[in-house]
Amino acid sequence: MKVFLGADHGGFQLKQQIKRQLEQQGHEVGDFGCHSTDPVDYPDFALLVAKAVSGVEAAGGTARGIMVDSIGQASAIVANKLPGVRAVVGWSVYAVESARSHN
């Protein structure tokens, strides 16, 4: 599966861990950054991830996006502005599993 990743500086290290795990599982991973802990603006990266997911979905494919940042809610708001994207905030395993199975 195609999985697109993005993060702000607060989520950089976790994004790197997620990326390694996904690659080990055989997923095709697109990493839109950020690529360090230097301060950046989360909307830039949330929009890149959402555009990638939206583009694949519009072409009839399936993709997922994971955005890791310091807060989360604002990235979901940015991402949900794009067609085909349904972003949620996953603050726990239960929240993520529920969002995937019920929404």
PDB file of N, CA and C in Angstrom:
ATOM      1  N   MET A   1       0.837  -1.175   0.000  1.00  0.00           N
ATOM      2  CA  MET A   1       0.000   0.000   0.000  1.00  0.00           C
ATOM      3  C   MET A   1       0.886   1.244   0.000  1.00  0.00           C
ATOM      4  N   LYS A   2       0.394   2.287  -0.634  1.00  0.00           N
ATOM      5  CA  LYS A   2       1.093   3.572  -0.614  1.00  0.00           C
ATOM      6  C   LYS A   2       0.730   4.309   0.671  1.00  0.00           C
ATOM      7  N   VAL A   3       1.761   4.759   1.372  1.00  0.00           N
ATOM      8  CA  VAL A   3       1.563   5.521   2.602  1.00  0.00           C
ATOM      9  C   VAL A   3       2.439   6.765   2.513  1.00  0.00           C
ATOM     10  N   PHE A   4       1.808   7.924   2.635  1.00  0.00           N
ATOM     11  CA  PHE A   4       2.523   9.189   2.575  1.00  0.00           C
ATOM     12  C   PHE A   4       2.684   9.740   3.985  1.00  0.00           C
ATOM     13  N   LEU A   5       3.889  10.198   4.300  1.00  0.00           N
ATOM     14  CA  LEU A   5       4.203  10.694   5.636  1.00  0.00           C
ATOM     15  C   LEU A   5       4.572  12.171   5.614  1.00  0.00           C
ATOM     16  N   GLY A   6       4.233  12.842   6.680  1.00  0.00           N
ATOM     17  CA  GLY A   6       4.648  14.218   6.879  1.00  0.00           C
ATOM     18  C   GLY A   6       4.740  14.492   8.366  1.00  0.00           C
ATOM     19  N   ALA A   7       5.484  15.518   8.716  1.00  0.00           N
ATOM     20  CA  ALA A   7       5.637  15.886  10.126  1.00  0.00           C
ATOM     21  C   ALA A   7       6.109  17.321  10.231  1.00  0.00           C
ATOM     22  N   ASP A   8       5.791  17.922  11.365  1.00  0.00           N
ATOM     23  CA  ASP A   8       6.469  19.161  11.700  1.00  0.00           C
ATOM     24  C   ASP A   8       7.675  18.789  12.553  1.00  0.00           C
ATOM     25  N   HIS A   9       8.395  19.784  13.022  1.00  0.00           N
ATOM     26  CA  HIS A   9       9.618  19.506  13.784  1.00  0.00           C
ATOM     27  C   HIS A   9       9.337  18.727  15.065  1.00  0.00           C
ATOM     28  N   GLY A  10       8.161  18.913  15.646  1.00  0.00           N
ATOM     29  CA  GLY A  10       7.810  18.179  16.856  1.00  0.00           C
ATOM     30  C   GLY A  10       7.526  16.707  16.613  1.00  0.00           C
ATOM     31  N   GLY A  11       7.170  16.363  15.388  1.00  0.00           N
ATOM     32  CA  GLY A  11       6.858  14.977  15.054  1.00  0.00           C
ATOM     33  C   GLY A  11       7.919  14.271  14.248  1.00  0.00           C
ATOM     34  N   PHE A  12       9.026  14.967  13.975  1.00  0.00           N
ATOM     35  CA  PHE A  12      10.062  14.413  13.094  1.00  0.00           C
ATOM     36  C   PHE A  12      10.562  13.042  13.545  1.00  0.00           C
ATOM     37  N   GLN A  13      10.943  12.907  14.795  1.00  0.00           N
ATOM     38  CA  GLN A  13      11.539  11.645  15.248  1.00  0.00           C
ATOM     39  C   GLN A  13      10.543  10.493  15.191  1.00  0.00           C
ATOM     40  N   LEU A  14       9.304  10.722  15.563  1.00  0.00           N
ATOM     41  CA  LEU A  14       8.295   9.668  15.479  1.00  0.00           C
ATOM     42  C   LEU A  14       8.025   9.299  14.025  1.00  0.00           C
ATOM     43  N   LYS A  15       7.993  10.301  13.146  1.00  0.00           N
ATOM     44  CA  LYS A  15       7.798  10.022  11.715  1.00  0.00           C
ATOM     45  C   LYS A  15       8.886   9.097  11.197  1.00  0.00           C
ATOM     46  N   GLN A  16      10.109   9.334  11.612  1.00  0.00           N
ATOM     47  CA  GLN A  16      11.222   8.485  11.171  1.00  0.00           C
ATOM     48  C   GLN A  16      11.024   7.041  11.638  1.00  0.00           C
ATOM     49  N   GLN A  17      10.547   6.859  12.853  1.00  0.00           N
ATOM     50  CA  GLN A  17      10.290   5.513  13.368  1.00  0.00           C
ATOM     51  C   GLN A  17       9.159   4.839  12.598  1.00  0.00           C
ATOM     52  N   ILE A  18       8.106   5.585  12.330  1.00  0.00           N
ATOM     53  CA  ILE A  18       6.978   5.050  11.565  1.00  0.00           C
ATOM     54  C   ILE A  18       7.436   4.668  10.163  1.00  0.00           C
ATOM     55  N   LYS A  19       8.248   5.515   9.550  1.00  0.00           N
ATOM     56  CA  LYS A  19       8.756   5.248   8.203  1.00  0.00           C
ATOM     57  C   LYS A  19       9.523   3.928   8.163  1.00  0.00           C
ATOM     58  N   ARG A  20      10.420   3.731   9.102  1.00  0.00           N
ATOM     59  CA  ARG A  20      11.193   2.478   9.146  1.00  0.00           C
ATOM     60  C   ARG A  20      10.272   1.266   9.291  1.00  0.00           C
ATOM     61  N   GLN A  21       9.304   1.370  10.172  1.00  0.00           N
ATOM     62  CA  GLN A  21       8.370   0.264  10.406  1.00  0.00           C
ATOM     63  C   GLN A  21       7.569  -0.054   9.145  1.00  0.00           C
ATOM     64  N   LEU A  22       7.049   0.961   8.487  1.00  0.00           N
ATOM     65  CA  LEU A  22       6.262   0.750   7.272  1.00  0.00           C
ATOM     66  C   LEU A  22       7.104   0.134   6.161  1.00  0.00           C
ATOM     67  N   GLU A  23       8.326   0.609   6.007  1.00  0.00           N
ATOM     68  CA  GLU A  23       9.212   0.047   4.983  1.00  0.00           C
ATOM     69  C   GLU A  23       9.535  -1.409   5.281  1.00  0.00           C
ATOM     70  N   GLN A  24       9.750  -1.739   6.541  1.00  0.00           N
ATOM     71  CA  GLN A  24      10.014  -3.130   6.918  1.00  0.00           C
ATOM     72  C   GLN A  24       8.809  -4.017   6.627  1.00  0.00           C
ATOM     73  N   GLN A  25       7.622  -3.452   6.677  1.00  0.00           N
ATOM     74  CA  GLN A  25       6.400  -4.201   6.385  1.00  0.00           C
ATOM     75  C   GLN A  25       6.126  -4.285   4.886  1.00  0.00           C
ATOM     76  N   GLY A  26       6.960  -3.639   4.074  1.00  0.00           N
ATOM     77  CA  GLY A  26       6.824  -3.721   2.629  1.00  0.00           C
ATOM     78  C   GLY A  26       5.939  -2.677   1.980  1.00  0.00           C
ATOM     79  N   HIS A  27       5.566  -1.652   2.719  1.00  0.00           N
ATOM     80  CA  HIS A  27       4.743  -0.588   2.148  1.00  0.00           C
ATOM     81  C   HIS A  27       5.595   0.358   1.306  1.00  0.00           C
ATOM     82  N   GLU A  28       4.969   0.955   0.314  1.00  0.00           N
ATOM     83  CA  GLU A  28       5.606   2.000  -0.488  1.00  0.00           C
ATOM     84  C   GLU A  28       5.411   3.318   0.258  1.00  0.00           C
ATOM     85  N   VAL A  29       6.507   3.921   0.710  1.00  0.00           N
ATOM     86  CA  VAL A  29       6.425   5.100   1.576  1.00  0.00           C
ATOM     87  C   VAL A  29       6.918   6.343   0.844  1.00  0.00           C
ATOM     88  N   GLY A  30       6.103   7.388   0.877  1.00  0.00           N
ATOM     89  CA  GLY A  30       6.507   8.699   0.391  1.00  0.00           C
ATOM     90  C   GLY A  30       6.699   9.616   1.586  1.00  0.00           C
ATOM     91  N   ASP A  31       7.860  10.199   1.714  1.00  0.00           N
ATOM     92  CA  ASP A  31       8.185  11.050   2.864  1.00  0.00           C
ATOM     93  C   ASP A  31       8.270  12.497   2.405  1.00  0.00           C
ATOM     94  N   PHE A  32       7.293  13.300   2.802  1.00  0.00           N
ATOM     95  CA  PHE A  32       7.242  14.699   2.405  1.00  0.00           C
ATOM     96  C   PHE A  32       7.933  15.634   3.393  1.00  0.00           C
ATOM     97  N   GLY A  33       8.567  15.085   4.420  1.00  0.00           N
ATOM     98  CA  GLY A  33       9.272  15.910   5.391  1.00  0.00           C
ATOM     99  C   GLY A  33       8.387  16.193   6.586  1.00  0.00           C
ATOM    100  N   CYS A  34       8.885  16.968   7.470  1.00  0.00           N
ATOM    101  CA  CYS A  34      10.165  17.633   7.449  1.00  0.00           C
ATOM    102  C   CYS A  34      11.297  16.623   7.666  1.00  0.00           C
ATOM    103  N   HIS A  35      12.513  17.080   7.453  1.00  0.00           N
ATOM    104  CA  HIS A  35      13.653  16.175   7.482  1.00  0.00           C
ATOM    105  C   HIS A  35      14.653  16.509   8.585  1.00  0.00           C
ATOM    106  N   SER A  36      14.207  17.262   9.583  1.00  0.00           N
ATOM    107  CA  SER A  36      15.065  17.588  10.727  1.00  0.00           C
ATOM    108  C   SER A  36      14.181  18.129  11.847  1.00  0.00           C
ATOM    109  N   THR A  37      14.800  18.475  12.943  1.00  0.00           N
ATOM    110  CA  THR A  37      14.053  19.074  14.054  1.00  0.00           C
ATOM    111  C   THR A  37      14.057  20.604  14.005  1.00  0.00           C
ATOM    112  N   ASP A  38      14.524  21.171  12.890  1.00  0.00           N
ATOM    113  CA  ASP A  38      14.474  22.624  12.731  1.00  0.00           C
ATOM    114  C   ASP A  38      13.013  23.074  12.630  1.00  0.00           C
ATOM    115  N   PRO A  39      12.657  24.199  13.239  1.00  0.00           N
ATOM    116  CA  PRO A  39      11.268  24.659  13.222  1.00  0.00           C
ATOM    117  C   PRO A  39      10.718  24.845  11.803  1.00  0.00           C
ATOM    118  N   VAL A  40       9.502  24.338  11.595  1.00  0.00           N
ATOM    119  CA  VAL A  40       8.786  24.461  10.324  1.00  0.00           C
ATOM    120  C   VAL A  40       7.307  24.691  10.629  1.00  0.00           C
ATOM    121  N   ASP A  41       6.534  24.992   9.598  1.00  0.00           N
ATOM    122  CA  ASP A  41       5.096  25.196   9.743  1.00  0.00           C
ATOM    123  C   ASP A  41       4.356  23.933   9.313  1.00  0.00           C
ATOM    124  N   TYR A  42       3.587  23.349  10.220  1.00  0.00           N
ATOM    125  CA  TYR A  42       2.879  22.098   9.954  1.00  0.00           C
ATOM    126  C   TYR A  42       1.965  22.151   8.730  1.00  0.00           C
ATOM    127  N   PRO A  43       1.277  23.280   8.416  1.00  0.00           N
ATOM    128  CA  PRO A  43       0.335  23.230   7.296  1.00  0.00           C
ATOM    129  C   PRO A  43       1.004  22.880   5.969  1.00  0.00           C
ATOM    130  N   ASP A  44       2.251  23.288   5.804  1.00  0.00           N
ATOM    131  CA  ASP A  44       2.954  22.981   4.556  1.00  0.00           C
ATOM    132  C   ASP A  44       3.032  21.475   4.338  1.00  0.00           C
ATOM    133  N   PHE A  45       3.311  20.733   5.377  1.00  0.00           N
ATOM    134  CA  PHE A  45       3.504  19.291   5.267  1.00  0.00           C
ATOM    135  C   PHE A  45       2.174  18.548   5.275  1.00  0.00           C
ATOM    136  N   ALA A  46       1.218  19.024   6.053  1.00  0.00           N
ATOM    137  CA  ALA A  46      -0.112  18.410   6.056  1.00  0.00           C
ATOM    138  C   ALA A  46      -0.737  18.515   4.674  1.00  0.00           C
ATOM    139  N   LEU A  47      -0.553  19.648   4.020  1.00  0.00           N
ATOM    140  CA  LEU A  47      -1.109  19.839   2.685  1.00  0.00           C
ATOM    141  C   LEU A  47      -0.433  18.928   1.662  1.00  0.00           C
ATOM    142  N   LEU A  48       0.874  18.757   1.751  1.00  0.00           N
ATOM    143  CA  LEU A  48       1.575  17.856   0.831  1.00  0.00           C
ATOM    144  C   LEU A  48       1.086  16.418   0.974  1.00  0.00           C
ATOM    145  N   VAL A  49       0.940  15.960   2.205  1.00  0.00           N
ATOM    146  CA  VAL A  49       0.453  14.596   2.442  1.00  0.00           C
ATOM    147  C   VAL A  49      -0.972  14.453   1.911  1.00  0.00           C
ATOM    148  N   ALA A  50      -1.834  15.402   2.225  1.00  0.00           N
ATOM    149  CA  ALA A  50      -3.229  15.332   1.793  1.00  0.00           C
ATOM    150  C   ALA A  50      -3.356  15.379   0.272  1.00  0.00           C
ATOM    151  N   LYS A  51      -2.561  16.218  -0.387  1.00  0.00           N
ATOM    152  CA  LYS A  51      -2.595  16.277  -1.852  1.00  0.00           C
ATOM    153  C   LYS A  51      -2.176  14.952  -2.467  1.00  0.00           C
ATOM    154  N   ALA A  52      -1.179  14.307  -1.891  1.00  0.00           N
ATOM    155  CA  ALA A  52      -0.722  13.015  -2.410  1.00  0.00           C
ATOM    156  C   ALA A  52      -1.818  11.964  -2.266  1.00  0.00           C
ATOM    157  N   VAL A  53      -2.452  11.900  -1.104  1.00  0.00           N
ATOM    158  CA  VAL A  53      -3.541  10.939  -0.891  1.00  0.00           C
ATOM    159  C   VAL A  53      -4.698  11.245  -1.831  1.00  0.00           C
ATOM    160  N   SER A  54      -5.078  12.497  -1.929  1.00  0.00           N
ATOM    161  CA  SER A  54      -6.185  12.905  -2.786  1.00  0.00           C
ATOM    162  C   SER A  54      -5.919  12.548  -4.244  1.00  0.00           C
ATOM    163  N   GLY A  55      -4.691  12.746  -4.700  1.00  0.00           N
ATOM    164  CA  GLY A  55      -4.340  12.434  -6.084  1.00  0.00           C
ATOM    165  C   GLY A  55      -4.433  10.957  -6.395  1.00  0.00           C
ATOM    166  N   VAL A  56      -3.955  10.122  -5.506  1.00  0.00           N
ATOM    167  CA  VAL A  56      -4.027   8.671  -5.708  1.00  0.00           C
ATOM    168  C   VAL A  56      -5.483   8.218  -5.700  1.00  0.00           C
ATOM    169  N   GLU A  57      -6.259   8.718  -4.754  1.00  0.00           N
ATOM    170  CA  GLU A  57      -7.672   8.346  -4.662  1.00  0.00           C
ATOM    171  C   GLU A  57      -8.428   8.798  -5.916  1.00  0.00           C
ATOM    172  N   ALA A  58      -8.147   9.994  -6.410  1.00  0.00           N
ATOM    173  CA  ALA A  58      -8.815  10.504  -7.607  1.00  0.00           C
ATOM    174  C   ALA A  58      -8.493   9.663  -8.830  1.00  0.00           C
ATOM    175  N   ALA A  59      -7.312   9.065  -8.849  1.00  0.00           N
ATOM    176  CA  ALA A  59      -6.904   8.226  -9.973  1.00  0.00           C
ATOM    177  C   ALA A  59      -7.413   6.789  -9.829  1.00  0.00           C
ATOM    178  N   GLY A  60      -8.204   6.530  -8.792  1.00  0.00           N
ATOM    179  CA  GLY A  60      -8.770   5.207  -8.600  1.00  0.00           C
ATOM    180  C   GLY A  60      -7.939   4.276  -7.744  1.00  0.00           C
ATOM    181  N   GLY A  61      -6.879   4.791  -7.153  1.00  0.00           N
ATOM    182  CA  GLY A  61      -6.017   3.975  -6.302  1.00  0.00           C
ATOM    183  C   GLY A  61      -6.387   4.103  -4.840  1.00  0.00           C
ATOM    184  N   THR A  62      -5.576   3.480  -4.024  1.00  0.00           N
ATOM    185  CA  THR A  62      -5.772   3.535  -2.578  1.00  0.00           C
ATOM    186  C   THR A  62      -4.474   3.981  -1.921  1.00  0.00           C
ATOM    187  N   ALA A  63      -4.572   4.936  -1.037  1.00  0.00           N
ATOM    188  CA  ALA A  63      -3.394   5.424  -0.315  1.00  0.00           C
ATOM    189  C   ALA A  63      -3.820   5.859   1.076  1.00  0.00           C
ATOM    190  N   ARG A  64      -2.856   5.926   1.935  1.00  0.00           N
ATOM    191  CA  ARG A  64      -3.066   6.429   3.287  1.00  0.00           C
ATOM    192  C   ARG A  64      -2.034   7.515   3.564  1.00  0.00           C
ATOM    193  N   GLY A  65      -2.359   8.391   4.473  1.00  0.00           N
ATOM    194  CA  GLY A  65      -1.429   9.430   4.881  1.00  0.00           C
ATOM    195  C   GLY A  65      -1.320   9.466   6.389  1.00  0.00           C
ATOM    196  N   ILE A  66      -0.128   9.744   6.867  1.00  0.00           N
ATOM    197  CA  ILE A  66       0.104   9.900   8.299  1.00  0.00           C
ATOM    198  C   ILE A  66       0.860  11.209   8.494  1.00  0.00           C
ATOM    199  N   MET A  67       0.262  12.100   9.258  1.00  0.00           N
ATOM    200  CA  MET A  67       0.883  13.375   9.583  1.00  0.00           C
ATOM    201  C   MET A  67       1.144  13.392  11.078  1.00  0.00           C
ATOM    202  N   VAL A  68       2.397  13.602  11.464  1.00  0.00           N
ATOM    203  CA  VAL A  68       2.770  13.613  12.878  1.00  0.00           C
ATOM    204  C   VAL A  68       3.223  15.024  13.227  1.00  0.00           C
ATOM    205  N   ASP A  69       2.474  15.657  14.123  1.00  0.00           N
ATOM    206  CA  ASP A  69       2.891  16.990  14.537  1.00  0.00           C
ATOM    207  C   ASP A  69       2.621  17.196  16.014  1.00  0.00           C
ATOM    208  N   SER A  70       2.911  18.369  16.490  1.00  0.00           N
ATOM    209  CA  SER A  70       2.840  18.649  17.923  1.00  0.00           C
ATOM    210  C   SER A  70       1.416  18.653  18.468  1.00  0.00           C
ATOM    211  N   ILE A  71       0.442  19.026  17.664  1.00  0.00           N
ATOM    212  CA  ILE A  71      -0.936  19.141  18.130  1.00  0.00           C
ATOM    213  C   ILE A  71      -1.851  18.137  17.439  1.00  0.00           C
ATOM    214  N   GLY A  72      -1.902  18.149  16.121  1.00  0.00           N
ATOM    215  CA  GLY A  72      -2.692  17.181  15.374  1.00  0.00           C
ATOM    216  C   GLY A  72      -3.975  17.713  14.789  1.00  0.00           C
ATOM    217  N   GLN A  73      -4.775  18.377  15.581  1.00  0.00           N
ATOM    218  CA  GLN A  73      -6.084  18.801  15.109  1.00  0.00           C
ATOM    219  C   GLN A  73      -5.993  19.726  13.903  1.00  0.00           C
ATOM    220  N   ALA A  74      -5.085  20.663  13.930  1.00  0.00           N
ATOM    221  CA  ALA A  74      -4.979  21.615  12.826  1.00  0.00           C
ATOM    222  C   ALA A  74      -4.556  20.931  11.530  1.00  0.00           C
ATOM    223  N   SER A  75      -3.686  19.941  11.609  1.00  0.00           N
ATOM    224  CA  SER A  75      -3.290  19.202  10.406  1.00  0.00           C
ATOM    225  C   SER A  75      -4.482  18.457   9.818  1.00  0.00           C
ATOM    226  N   ALA A  76      -5.330  17.902  10.670  1.00  0.00           N
ATOM    227  CA  ALA A  76      -6.531  17.216  10.187  1.00  0.00           C
ATOM    228  C   ALA A  76      -7.467  18.200   9.495  1.00  0.00           C
ATOM    229  N   ILE A  77      -7.593  19.395  10.033  1.00  0.00           N
ATOM    230  CA  ILE A  77      -8.445  20.411   9.414  1.00  0.00           C
ATOM    231  C   ILE A  77      -7.914  20.769   8.032  1.00  0.00           C
ATOM    232  N   VAL A  78      -6.613  20.979   7.914  1.00  0.00           N
ATOM    233  CA  VAL A  78      -5.996  21.283   6.618  1.00  0.00           C
ATOM    234  C   VAL A  78      -6.244  20.141   5.642  1.00  0.00           C
ATOM    235  N   ALA A  79      -5.976  18.920   6.068  1.00  0.00           N
ATOM    236  CA  ALA A  79      -6.097  17.756   5.184  1.00  0.00           C
ATOM    237  C   ALA A  79      -7.531  17.534   4.721  1.00  0.00           C
ATOM    238  N   ASN A  80      -8.491  17.762   5.587  1.00  0.00           N
ATOM    239  CA  ASN A  80      -9.892  17.508   5.249  1.00  0.00           C
ATOM    240  C   ASN A  80     -10.457  18.479   4.222  1.00  0.00           C
ATOM    241  N   LYS A  81      -9.721  19.481   3.848  1.00  0.00           N
ATOM    242  CA  LYS A  81     -10.172  20.416   2.823  1.00  0.00           C
ATOM    243  C   LYS A  81     -10.026  19.837   1.413  1.00  0.00           C
ATOM    244  N   LEU A  82      -9.291  18.734   1.283  1.00  0.00           N
ATOM    245  CA  LEU A  82      -9.051  18.155  -0.035  1.00  0.00           C
ATOM    246  C   LEU A  82     -10.020  17.017  -0.334  1.00  0.00           C
ATOM    247  N   PRO A  83     -10.440  16.905  -1.608  1.00  0.00           N
ATOM    248  CA  PRO A  83     -11.374  15.837  -1.974  1.00  0.00           C
ATOM    249  C   PRO A  83     -10.766  14.454  -1.757  1.00  0.00           C
ATOM    250  N   GLY A  84     -11.580  13.541  -1.244  1.00  0.00           N
ATOM    251  CA  GLY A  84     -11.143  12.168  -1.041  1.00  0.00           C
ATOM    252  C   GLY A  84     -10.363  11.932   0.226  1.00  0.00           C
ATOM    253  N   VAL A  85     -10.127  12.972   1.002  1.00  0.00           N
ATOM    254  CA  VAL A  85      -9.340  12.839   2.231  1.00  0.00           C
ATOM    255  C   VAL A  85     -10.282  12.889   3.431  1.00  0.00           C
ATOM    256  N   ARG A  86     -10.111  11.940   4.327  1.00  0.00           N
ATOM    257  CA  ARG A  86     -10.867  11.906   5.580  1.00  0.00           C
ATOM    258  C   ARG A  86      -9.860  11.769   6.708  1.00  0.00           C
ATOM    259  N   ALA A  87      -9.409  12.888   7.227  1.00  0.00           N
ATOM    260  CA  ALA A  87      -8.364  12.894   8.252  1.00  0.00           C
ATOM    261  C   ALA A  87      -8.984  12.927   9.645  1.00  0.00           C
ATOM    262  N   VAL A  88      -8.379  12.184  10.546  1.00  0.00           N
ATOM    263  CA  VAL A  88      -8.781  12.173  11.951  1.00  0.00           C
ATOM    264  C   VAL A  88      -7.540  12.355  12.810  1.00  0.00           C
ATOM    265  N   VAL A  89      -7.759  12.712  14.056  1.00  0.00           N
ATOM    266  CA  VAL A  89      -6.656  12.824  15.002  1.00  0.00           C
ATOM    267  C   VAL A  89      -6.569  11.503  15.761  1.00  0.00           C
ATOM    268  N   GLY A  90      -5.403  10.867  15.697  1.00  0.00           N
ATOM    269  CA  GLY A  90      -5.210   9.585  16.367  1.00  0.00           C
ATOM    270  C   GLY A  90      -4.340   9.739  17.590  1.00  0.00           C
ATOM    271  N   TRP A  91      -4.937   9.966  18.735  1.00  0.00           N
ATOM    272  CA  TRP A  91      -4.166  10.175  19.965  1.00  0.00           C
ATOM    273  C   TRP A  91      -3.938   8.879  20.729  1.00  0.00           C
ATOM    274  N   SER A  92      -4.573   7.791  20.283  1.00  0.00           N
ATOM    275  CA  SER A  92      -4.375   6.501  20.942  1.00  0.00           C
ATOM    276  C   SER A  92      -4.642   5.388  19.934  1.00  0.00           C
ATOM    277  N   VAL A  93      -4.217   4.190  20.248  1.00  0.00           N
ATOM    278  CA  VAL A  93      -4.489   3.039  19.379  1.00  0.00           C
ATOM    279  C   VAL A  93      -5.997   2.868  19.227  1.00  0.00           C
ATOM    280  N   TYR A  94      -6.728   2.984  20.321  1.00  0.00           N
ATOM    281  CA  TYR A  94      -8.183   2.839  20.278  1.00  0.00           C
ATOM    282  C   TYR A  94      -8.822   3.876  19.345  1.00  0.00           C
ATOM    283  N   ALA A  95      -8.385   5.116  19.437  1.00  0.00           N
ATOM    284  CA  ALA A  95      -8.948   6.172  18.590  1.00  0.00           C
ATOM    285  C   ALA A  95      -8.704   5.881  17.116  1.00  0.00           C
ATOM    286  N   VAL A  96      -7.517   5.426  16.786  1.00  0.00           N
ATOM    287  CA  VAL A  96      -7.189   5.126  15.390  1.00  0.00           C
ATOM    288  C   VAL A  96      -7.986   3.922  14.903  1.00  0.00           C
ATOM    289  N   GLU A  97      -8.024   2.861  15.690  1.00  0.00           N
ATOM    290  CA  GLU A  97      -8.782   1.671  15.289  1.00  0.00           C
ATOM    291  C   GLU A  97     -10.264   1.999  15.112  1.00  0.00           C
ATOM    292  N   SER A  98     -10.824   2.786  16.003  1.00  0.00           N
ATOM    293  CA  SER A  98     -12.230   3.166  15.900  1.00  0.00           C
ATOM    294  C   SER A  98     -12.490   4.011  14.658  1.00  0.00           C
ATOM    295  N   ALA A  99     -11.611   4.951  14.386  1.00  0.00           N
ATOM    296  CA  ALA A  99     -11.774   5.800  13.204  1.00  0.00           C
ATOM    297  C   ALA A  99     -11.731   4.969  11.927  1.00  0.00           C
ATOM    298  N   ARG A 100     -10.833   4.010  11.869  1.00  0.00           N
ATOM    299  CA  ARG A 100     -10.702   3.172  10.670  1.00  0.00           C
ATOM    300  C   ARG A 100     -11.885   2.218  10.517  1.00  0.00           C
ATOM    301  N   SER A 101     -12.420   1.722  11.598  1.00  0.00           N
ATOM    302  CA  SER A 101     -13.473   0.714  11.488  1.00  0.00           C
ATOM    303  C   SER A 101     -14.889   1.293  11.468  1.00  0.00           C
ATOM    304  N   HIS A 102     -15.080   2.508  11.962  1.00  0.00           N
ATOM    305  CA  HIS A 102     -16.430   3.056  12.070  1.00  0.00           C
ATOM    306  C   HIS A 102     -16.684   4.301  11.228  1.00  0.00           C
ATOM    307  N   ASN A 103     -15.662   4.889  10.673  1.00  0.00           N
ATOM    308  CA  ASN A 103     -15.869   6.150   9.943  1.00  0.00           C
ATOM    309  C   ASN A 103     -15.479   6.019   8.499  1.00  0.00           C
TER     310      ASN A 103
END
